[in-house]
Amino acid sequence: MAKKIIMPLIVLALLASLSPAATNPWGDLKKIYFYDSISNLGEVKKNLEKLNAQTLPHSEKIELLNKLEELGDRYYQKGDYTLAATFFNKILNVSPQDAWPMYNKLEKISRRRGNFLWNFNYIGRQFGLLTRGFNSSFILLNSFFNILLFSGLLLFYLLTAVMVIKYFKLAAHDFIIGSNSRFKISKLLLLLLLLLWPLALMGGWGFYPFLFCGFLWDYFNHDDKVNIKRIVAILLVLVFLHSLGQYLEKSLQTPRFQTIQKIYAGQLFPESTYKRFDNEMKIMQAYAYYNRNHANEALDILQATGNNYNSTLKFNLLGNIYYEKGNVPQSIQYYRQSLSLDNQNQSTLKNFTMALLKNNDPKLFLFYSKSYPQIQGLKDKVTGLQKTKFPEKILWNRLLKFSWQNFHIWNFLEIVAIEFVKFPVLLAILIMAVYITLLKRFSPALGQSTFCSKCARIIKKLSVEQAHALCEGCYQLFLIKDPIFLDAKILMEKDINRQFHLKKSLILLVSLVIPGFSLNFEDKSKAFTFLFMLFFNVFGFFLFTALAFKSIFGTIPMFLNIIGITAIVLYLAINAYALKGNHNGF
């Protein structure tokens, strides 16, 4: 007997869940699962199109999106790309800010259908969503600040390496041997002390490029000195930008901001905790309680903000609460107060329209439609109250204010100044300046030597004619036209050419890793500075940002692929430019 009663009840419950009257999105999802189980794809698509999740709280909406994504992935694996794309587009329609990875899946479907060109419409929309999302935009900004400083330091280190290759042999020769042309052990030990003391006192090699620049300064030509000064100035600007990034990171790590993020995500705090919140945080906490179906607690929190605190979010939530309590006239008044602060807010306009329709007073609706004509177009579209999602700018606003409700300029300047001063680059620049200023006084012989322009032997500048930087042997071979030296000249030229081509081959080999590196040996260090900063900022931003997105979201945004291709094009163009200007290139 019991079985006879239970079975009809089960059938009735199933029919009720599948009935057209059910408008709950979870009910629509059950229908989708049911029709999917019996392979009725027409009904699956029909119920998917009917699904409306705008009334769900954000946490439930995310759960719904995950289930829809699983279904879409299932149809993608089956090869039903049309239905899979329908699921992914529905996810984007429900909550585009949370669903930006769906554009990657739509792009894959486009590839499967034979479209090998990128859909720039997808890329543009996805990039727009990323810039509006807090987590994604913070990753982009933080990566930009970090790669700027890293590329500037790497550029300085590379140029210093070039200077060391060019001039260190000369500097060591002049410092140790000096004007007496005698090797001195004491000078060698002093040179080692001048070069190795940072390892003992500072425990790092990052100071060495600056130390070497100071040590070799007297050997730099005018263009080298100007370029080094330019890069040091760029580094100071980049350190300042890095200090701004550090301010944001410190603000992000404060316990108060962590609390704000938890409230934003919907976490509930006890009364003993939320009563200490500022008014904006209380509004956010009230929404969290409201979305968990604790309307009375949410109302208490809103009232605790006082009558003098007015905001669109506050009046929207008050309107929602009184609407659900059945006090529709009071709800209408709160929506009006919200619209007086922002008459273009779509969520408020939809809920205001819903309340007016619920009030069932055509004259009142007509009266308000004169002030808010948008409600005429919404009256046939609204089906329930819209759940308000906090704008991401609230998080950015609190982050920039170091989690306070108001901006404290002195706190901002203090943190930025401390981060700027304590960065090691400033100390390294000071060490370089000390070496430039004092080293010449203690060792006047520095800068007195140069290389023979033919055989690269070290010669004294004062011992050669102004027109030719040649050693005595090369002077006799190449400038004195005597048949006696012809065979020796030919042998010398072969040896010089062999060494020259070996050097060029090594430089070109390095250029395969560092595009344009050979420009430093063609008196084009200024061009290398610009081209390297351009290339490495593009390539570094692509690499580090892609790794960050992959580790956090599991998906790399499509616009980063374009940036990666741009880096490849720059790599080829820079090396082509370097070889074109290189008379010994290929």
Foldseek 3Di string as FASTA:
>chain_A
DVVVVVVVVVVVVVCVLVDPVDQALVSLVVQLVVCVVVVVVVSNLVSLVSRACQAAAPVVLVVVLVVLLVVLVVVVVVVVLVVSLSSLVSNCVRPVLVNLCSLVVNQVSCVVVPDPDGDVVSQVSSVVSQCQADVSVLLLLLLLLVLLLVLLLVLLQLLLVVLCVAPVVVLLCCQQCNPVNDGDPVSVVVVCCLQCVCCVVPVDCSLRSLSSCLSQVLQDDPLSVVVSVVSLVSNLVSLLSVLLSVLLVLLCPDPLLVVLVCLLVLDADDPVPLLPDALVSLLSNLLSCVSVVNNVVSVVSLVSNDPVDDALSSLQSVLVSCVVVVNLVSSLVSLVSSCVVPVPDPLSLLSNLVSVVVVVDVVVVVVVCVVNVVSVVNNVPRDDHGRDRDGNVVSVCCSCQSNDPDRDVVVSVVSSVVSSVPDCSVVSNVSSVCSNPPVCVVRVSRNQWFAAPQPGDIDGPVVDDPVGRHDPVCCCLPVPPDPVNVVVNVVSNVVSVVVVVVVVVVQVVVCVVQPQSCCSVVSNSVVSVVLSSVLSSLCSSLVVSQVVCCVPVVDGRPVSVVSNVVSVVSSVVRNVVNQVPDPPHD
